[in-house]
Every structure is written in structure tokens, then in C-alpha cells.
Amino acid sequence: QVQLVESGGGSVQAGGSLRLSCAASGRTYCMGWFRQAPGKEREEVGRITSVGDTGYADSVRGRFLISRDNAKNTMYLQMNSLKTEDTAMYYCATSGVPVCTFTYWGQGTQVTVNP
């Protein structure tokens, strides 16, 4: 069983930055960030493997950076050059096994980007 807790969300002006954190209890392998805006389907923002390989959605590549601190069992999402369309609830997720499946989810943290 893995528990995930996101933090760091808030309200920011377009062009600004935010850093989200996802603290995990339990063994984690591949971890990912997802987001869901009102009226839209959940989409993957990006993921990071246990050895630090990353992948990003086209919409955020070059603006967002995912990292992890395995000693702290924490994943981060550095969001730069934020746009109003980045407004969403952001969730982190992980698998309890060494493959990129997302079984465990956090409760989410809201990010609002104002014009």
C-alpha cells in the first residue's frame, strides 16, 4: 500500500511558476503527474522512472520539469511559464510494482493560473 500527498498548489499569474510536491509513504517506482480541468478528461502531464528517466506531454514539454528525491521519497513538478490553460487539479500517482502503471493516487492539489 502506498499513500501519496500532494502540496504546493495555489494561484499564480500567467507567466509565473509553481512547484508541486508529492510525498510518498511506501515503495515507489515509476511516478507520474496528472491533471484534470473542469469538464475535461484527466491527462498525463509527465512521468519519471525510478532511475530518473522522464517523459512529458507535448503541452508542457520545455516548461515543466519532473524530478524526484528518492531519499525523501518525494517527487516534484516544477512548472514555469504557466498559462491559463494549465489551470487544473493536479494529481500524483505511482505503481507499487516496477512498471509504469498507476495504481495509487493522491488527493490532488489545485493550480489556478490567472490572466
N, C-alpha and C. Protein backbone atom coordinates (compact mmCIF):
# COMPACT_ATOMS: atom_id res chain seq x y z
N GLN A 1 0.84 -1.19 0.00
CA GLN A 1 0.00 0.00 0.00
C GLN A 1 0.88 1.24 0.00
N VAL A 2 0.55 2.18 -0.85
CA VAL A 2 1.30 3.43 -0.95
C VAL A 2 0.33 4.60 -0.76
N GLN A 3 0.75 5.56 0.03
CA GLN A 3 -0.04 6.78 0.19
C GLN A 3 0.74 7.95 -0.40
N LEU A 4 0.01 8.82 -1.09
CA LEU A 4 0.61 9.98 -1.74
C LEU A 4 -0.08 11.25 -1.28
N VAL A 5 0.72 12.27 -1.00
CA VAL A 5 0.16 13.55 -0.58
C VAL A 5 0.80 14.66 -1.41
N GLU A 6 -0.03 15.36 -2.18
CA GLU A 6 0.45 16.48 -2.98
C GLU A 6 0.39 17.77 -2.18
N SER A 7 1.26 18.69 -2.52
CA SER A 7 1.23 20.02 -1.92
C SER A 7 1.87 21.00 -2.89
N GLY A 8 1.67 22.29 -2.61
CA GLY A 8 2.32 23.32 -3.41
C GLY A 8 1.43 24.02 -4.40
N GLY A 9 0.19 23.59 -4.51
CA GLY A 9 -0.71 24.26 -5.43
C GLY A 9 -1.06 25.66 -4.95
N GLY A 10 -1.70 26.41 -5.83
CA GLY A 10 -2.11 27.76 -5.47
C GLY A 10 -2.52 28.54 -6.70
N SER A 11 -2.58 29.83 -6.53
CA SER A 11 -2.98 30.74 -7.59
C SER A 11 -1.78 31.57 -8.02
N VAL A 12 -1.59 31.71 -9.32
CA VAL A 12 -0.43 32.43 -9.82
C VAL A 12 -0.81 33.16 -11.11
N GLN A 13 -0.11 34.20 -11.41
CA GLN A 13 -0.35 34.93 -12.66
C GLN A 13 0.28 34.18 -13.83
N ALA A 14 -0.32 34.35 -14.98
CA ALA A 14 0.25 33.75 -16.19
C ALA A 14 1.69 34.21 -16.36
N GLY A 15 2.53 33.25 -16.73
CA GLY A 15 3.95 33.53 -16.85
C GLY A 15 4.74 33.20 -15.60
N GLY A 16 4.03 32.95 -14.51
CA GLY A 16 4.67 32.65 -13.25
C GLY A 16 5.05 31.19 -13.11
N SER A 17 5.50 30.84 -11.92
CA SER A 17 5.98 29.49 -11.64
C SER A 17 5.37 28.96 -10.35
N LEU A 18 5.27 27.66 -10.28
CA LEU A 18 4.88 26.95 -9.06
C LEU A 18 5.66 25.65 -9.01
N ARG A 19 5.85 25.17 -7.80
CA ARG A 19 6.49 23.87 -7.62
C ARG A 19 5.59 22.99 -6.77
N LEU A 20 5.17 21.88 -7.34
CA LEU A 20 4.36 20.92 -6.62
C LEU A 20 5.25 19.81 -6.06
N SER A 21 4.81 19.28 -4.94
CA SER A 21 5.50 18.16 -4.33
C SER A 21 4.52 17.00 -4.15
N CYS A 22 5.06 15.82 -4.19
CA CYS A 22 4.26 14.61 -3.95
C CYS A 22 5.07 13.73 -3.01
N ALA A 23 4.64 13.68 -1.76
CA ALA A 23 5.33 12.88 -0.75
C ALA A 23 4.68 11.51 -0.67
N ALA A 24 5.52 10.49 -0.73
CA ALA A 24 5.00 9.12 -0.74
C ALA A 24 5.43 8.37 0.52
N SER A 25 4.54 7.52 0.97
CA SER A 25 4.88 6.56 2.00
C SER A 25 4.74 5.19 1.38
N GLY A 26 5.75 4.39 1.52
CA GLY A 26 5.73 3.10 0.85
C GLY A 26 6.65 3.12 -0.36
N ARG A 27 6.90 1.94 -0.89
CA ARG A 27 7.84 1.81 -2.00
C ARG A 27 7.22 2.34 -3.28
N THR A 28 7.98 3.17 -3.97
CA THR A 28 7.51 3.72 -5.24
C THR A 28 8.48 3.34 -6.34
N TYR A 29 8.00 3.27 -7.53
CA TYR A 29 8.81 3.01 -8.70
C TYR A 29 8.55 4.14 -9.68
N CYS A 30 7.90 3.86 -10.77
CA CYS A 30 7.53 4.92 -11.69
C CYS A 30 6.50 5.82 -11.02
N MET A 31 6.68 7.12 -11.17
CA MET A 31 5.73 8.08 -10.61
C MET A 31 5.30 9.04 -11.70
N GLY A 32 4.10 9.54 -11.57
CA GLY A 32 3.59 10.43 -12.61
C GLY A 32 2.77 11.56 -12.05
N TRP A 33 2.68 12.62 -12.86
CA TRP A 33 1.79 13.74 -12.57
C TRP A 33 0.68 13.75 -13.61
N PHE A 34 -0.51 13.99 -13.13
CA PHE A 34 -1.68 14.08 -13.99
C PHE A 34 -2.44 15.35 -13.63
N ARG A 35 -3.32 15.78 -14.51
CA ARG A 35 -4.15 16.93 -14.20
C ARG A 35 -5.52 16.77 -14.84
N GLN A 36 -6.47 17.43 -14.22
CA GLN A 36 -7.84 17.41 -14.75
C GLN A 36 -8.46 18.77 -14.56
N ALA A 37 -8.85 19.37 -15.66
CA ALA A 37 -9.54 20.65 -15.63
C ALA A 37 -11.05 20.40 -15.65
N PRO A 38 -11.82 21.33 -15.16
CA PRO A 38 -13.29 21.16 -15.14
C PRO A 38 -13.83 20.88 -16.54
N GLY A 39 -14.62 19.83 -16.64
CA GLY A 39 -15.23 19.49 -17.91
C GLY A 39 -14.32 18.78 -18.88
N LYS A 40 -13.11 18.48 -18.45
CA LYS A 40 -12.16 17.81 -19.34
C LYS A 40 -11.72 16.49 -18.73
N GLU A 41 -11.20 15.63 -19.59
CA GLU A 41 -10.69 14.36 -19.11
C GLU A 41 -9.33 14.55 -18.43
N ARG A 42 -9.03 13.63 -17.57
CA ARG A 42 -7.72 13.65 -16.94
C ARG A 42 -6.65 13.36 -17.97
N GLU A 43 -5.55 14.10 -17.89
CA GLU A 43 -4.45 13.89 -18.82
C GLU A 43 -3.15 13.75 -18.05
N GLU A 44 -2.26 12.98 -18.63
CA GLU A 44 -0.95 12.83 -18.03
C GLU A 44 -0.10 14.02 -18.37
N VAL A 45 0.56 14.56 -17.35
CA VAL A 45 1.48 15.67 -17.53
C VAL A 45 2.88 15.15 -17.84
N GLY A 46 3.26 14.12 -17.09
CA GLY A 46 4.57 13.53 -17.31
C GLY A 46 4.83 12.48 -16.27
N ARG A 47 5.96 11.80 -16.42
CA ARG A 47 6.31 10.72 -15.52
C ARG A 47 7.82 10.64 -15.34
N ILE A 48 8.19 9.95 -14.28
CA ILE A 48 9.61 9.75 -14.01
C ILE A 48 9.79 8.33 -13.48
N THR A 49 10.79 7.65 -14.01
CA THR A 49 11.04 6.29 -13.57
C THR A 49 11.88 6.31 -12.29
N SER A 50 12.08 5.13 -11.75
CA SER A 50 12.84 5.03 -10.51
C SER A 50 14.30 5.44 -10.70
N VAL A 51 14.78 5.42 -11.94
CA VAL A 51 16.17 5.82 -12.19
C VAL A 51 16.26 7.23 -12.77
N GLY A 52 15.13 7.91 -12.82
CA GLY A 52 15.15 9.31 -13.20
C GLY A 52 14.87 9.63 -14.65
N ASP A 53 14.52 8.66 -15.46
CA ASP A 53 14.13 8.96 -16.84
C ASP A 53 12.76 9.62 -16.84
N THR A 54 12.63 10.65 -17.65
CA THR A 54 11.38 11.41 -17.65
C THR A 54 10.73 11.46 -19.03
N GLY A 55 9.44 11.70 -19.02
CA GLY A 55 8.68 11.91 -20.24
C GLY A 55 7.61 12.93 -19.96
N TYR A 56 7.26 13.73 -20.99
CA TYR A 56 6.33 14.83 -20.79
C TYR A 56 5.29 14.88 -21.90
N ALA A 57 4.14 15.41 -21.55
CA ALA A 57 3.13 15.70 -22.55
C ALA A 57 3.63 16.86 -23.42
N ASP A 58 3.21 16.86 -24.67
CA ASP A 58 3.64 17.92 -25.58
C ASP A 58 3.27 19.31 -25.06
N SER A 59 2.14 19.39 -24.38
CA SER A 59 1.63 20.68 -23.92
C SER A 59 2.50 21.32 -22.85
N VAL A 60 3.34 20.52 -22.19
CA VAL A 60 4.14 21.07 -21.09
C VAL A 60 5.64 20.93 -21.31
N ARG A 61 6.02 20.19 -22.33
CA ARG A 61 7.45 19.95 -22.57
C ARG A 61 8.18 21.28 -22.77
N GLY A 62 9.28 21.43 -22.07
CA GLY A 62 10.05 22.66 -22.13
C GLY A 62 9.66 23.69 -21.08
N ARG A 63 8.51 23.49 -20.47
CA ARG A 63 8.06 24.42 -19.41
C ARG A 63 8.03 23.76 -18.04
N PHE A 64 7.71 22.48 -18.01
CA PHE A 64 7.60 21.74 -16.76
C PHE A 64 8.78 20.78 -16.62
N LEU A 65 9.17 20.55 -15.37
CA LEU A 65 10.28 19.64 -15.09
C LEU A 65 9.91 18.75 -13.92
N ILE A 66 10.01 17.45 -14.13
CA ILE A 66 9.73 16.49 -13.07
C ILE A 66 11.05 15.97 -12.52
N SER A 67 11.13 15.89 -11.21
CA SER A 67 12.30 15.35 -10.55
C SER A 67 11.84 14.55 -9.34
N ARG A 68 12.77 13.83 -8.76
CA ARG A 68 12.44 13.07 -7.56
C ARG A 68 13.66 13.00 -6.66
N ASP A 69 13.37 12.91 -5.38
CA ASP A 69 14.40 12.72 -4.36
C ASP A 69 14.07 11.39 -3.70
N ASN A 70 14.77 10.37 -4.09
CA ASN A 70 14.45 9.04 -3.57
C ASN A 70 14.72 8.92 -2.07
N ALA A 71 15.67 9.68 -1.58
CA ALA A 71 15.95 9.64 -0.13
C ALA A 71 14.77 10.16 0.67
N LYS A 72 14.05 11.12 0.07
CA LYS A 72 12.88 11.69 0.74
C LYS A 72 11.59 11.05 0.25
N ASN A 73 11.71 10.15 -0.72
CA ASN A 73 10.53 9.51 -1.30
C ASN A 73 9.52 10.56 -1.78
N THR A 74 10.04 11.55 -2.47
CA THR A 74 9.23 12.68 -2.90
C THR A 74 9.50 13.00 -4.37
N MET A 75 8.44 13.29 -5.08
CA MET A 75 8.52 13.70 -6.47
C MET A 75 8.12 15.17 -6.57
N TYR A 76 8.69 15.87 -7.53
CA TYR A 76 8.41 17.29 -7.69
C TYR A 76 7.96 17.60 -9.11
N LEU A 77 7.19 18.65 -9.24
CA LEU A 77 6.81 19.17 -10.55
C LEU A 77 7.08 20.66 -10.54
N GLN A 78 8.13 21.07 -11.21
CA GLN A 78 8.45 22.49 -11.36
C GLN A 78 7.74 23.00 -12.60
N MET A 79 6.87 23.94 -12.42
CA MET A 79 6.06 24.47 -13.51
C MET A 79 6.46 25.92 -13.77
N ASN A 80 6.97 26.18 -14.95
CA ASN A 80 7.40 27.52 -15.35
C ASN A 80 6.57 28.01 -16.52
N SER A 81 6.61 29.30 -16.74
CA SER A 81 5.89 29.91 -17.87
C SER A 81 4.44 29.43 -17.90
N LEU A 82 3.80 29.48 -16.77
CA LEU A 82 2.44 28.95 -16.66
C LEU A 82 1.46 29.71 -17.53
N LYS A 83 0.51 28.97 -18.06
CA LYS A 83 -0.53 29.53 -18.92
C LYS A 83 -1.89 29.30 -18.27
N THR A 84 -2.87 30.08 -18.69
CA THR A 84 -4.21 29.91 -18.09
C THR A 84 -4.73 28.49 -18.34
N GLU A 85 -4.34 27.90 -19.45
CA GLU A 85 -4.81 26.54 -19.75
C GLU A 85 -4.14 25.47 -18.89
N ASP A 86 -3.18 25.84 -18.06
CA ASP A 86 -2.60 24.91 -17.11
C ASP A 86 -3.46 24.79 -15.84
N THR A 87 -4.47 25.62 -15.73
CA THR A 87 -5.36 25.57 -14.57
C THR A 87 -6.04 24.21 -14.50
N ALA A 88 -5.88 23.54 -13.37
CA ALA A 88 -6.44 22.20 -13.20
C ALA A 88 -6.16 21.72 -11.78
N MET A 89 -6.77 20.60 -11.46
CA MET A 89 -6.39 19.86 -10.27
C MET A 89 -5.26 18.93 -10.69
N TYR A 90 -4.18 18.97 -9.94
CA TYR A 90 -3.01 18.16 -10.26
C TYR A 90 -2.90 17.00 -9.27
N TYR A 91 -2.68 15.83 -9.82
CA TYR A 91 -2.58 14.61 -9.03
C TYR A 91 -1.24 13.93 -9.29
N CYS A 92 -0.71 13.30 -8.26
CA CYS A 92 0.42 12.41 -8.49
C CYS A 92 -0.05 10.98 -8.32
N ALA A 93 0.66 10.10 -8.95
CA ALA A 93 0.30 8.69 -8.92
C ALA A 93 1.56 7.84 -9.02
N THR A 94 1.43 6.62 -8.58
CA THR A 94 2.57 5.72 -8.67
C THR A 94 2.09 4.28 -8.75
N SER A 95 3.02 3.40 -9.05
CA SER A 95 2.73 1.98 -9.04
C SER A 95 3.42 1.36 -7.83
N GLY A 96 2.91 0.26 -7.40
CA GLY A 96 3.55 -0.46 -6.31
C GLY A 96 4.46 -1.56 -6.81
N VAL A 97 4.62 -1.58 -8.12
CA VAL A 97 5.46 -2.59 -8.76
C VAL A 97 6.36 -1.87 -9.77
N PRO A 98 7.46 -2.49 -10.18
CA PRO A 98 8.42 -1.81 -11.06
C PRO A 98 8.00 -1.72 -12.52
N VAL A 99 6.80 -1.25 -12.76
CA VAL A 99 6.34 -0.93 -14.12
C VAL A 99 5.55 0.38 -14.02
N CYS A 100 5.41 1.04 -15.14
CA CYS A 100 4.70 2.33 -15.14
C CYS A 100 3.19 2.14 -15.28
N THR A 101 2.63 1.58 -14.24
CA THR A 101 1.17 1.57 -14.11
C THR A 101 0.86 2.40 -12.88
N PHE A 102 -0.27 3.03 -12.88
CA PHE A 102 -0.58 3.99 -11.81
C PHE A 102 -1.75 3.48 -11.01
N THR A 103 -1.38 2.87 -9.89
CA THR A 103 -2.35 2.22 -9.03
C THR A 103 -2.77 3.10 -7.87
N TYR A 104 -1.83 3.85 -7.37
CA TYR A 104 -2.06 4.67 -6.18
C TYR A 104 -2.07 6.15 -6.58
N TRP A 105 -3.04 6.87 -5.99
CA TRP A 105 -3.26 8.27 -6.36
C TRP A 105 -3.34 9.14 -5.12
N GLY A 106 -2.87 10.37 -5.28
CA GLY A 106 -3.03 11.34 -4.22
C GLY A 106 -4.39 12.01 -4.31
N GLN A 107 -4.64 12.95 -3.39
CA GLN A 107 -5.94 13.61 -3.33
C GLN A 107 -6.01 14.83 -4.24
N GLY A 108 -4.86 15.26 -4.73
CA GLY A 108 -4.83 16.37 -5.68
C GLY A 108 -4.54 17.71 -5.01
N THR A 109 -4.00 18.62 -5.81
CA THR A 109 -3.76 19.99 -5.37
C THR A 109 -4.14 20.92 -6.52
N GLN A 110 -4.85 21.98 -6.20
CA GLN A 110 -5.38 22.87 -7.23
C GLN A 110 -4.35 23.89 -7.67
N VAL A 111 -4.23 24.03 -8.97
CA VAL A 111 -3.40 25.07 -9.57
C VAL A 111 -4.30 25.97 -10.41
N THR A 112 -4.27 27.24 -10.12
CA THR A 112 -5.06 28.22 -10.87
C THR A 112 -4.13 29.28 -11.43
N VAL A 113 -4.18 29.43 -12.74
CA VAL A 113 -3.34 30.43 -13.41
C VAL A 113 -4.25 31.54 -13.91
N ASN A 114 -4.03 32.72 -13.41
CA ASN A 114 -4.85 33.89 -13.75
C ASN A 114 -4.26 34.66 -14.92
N PRO A 115 -5.12 35.28 -15.73
CA PRO A 115 -4.61 36.02 -16.90
C PRO A 115 -3.72 37.18 -16.49
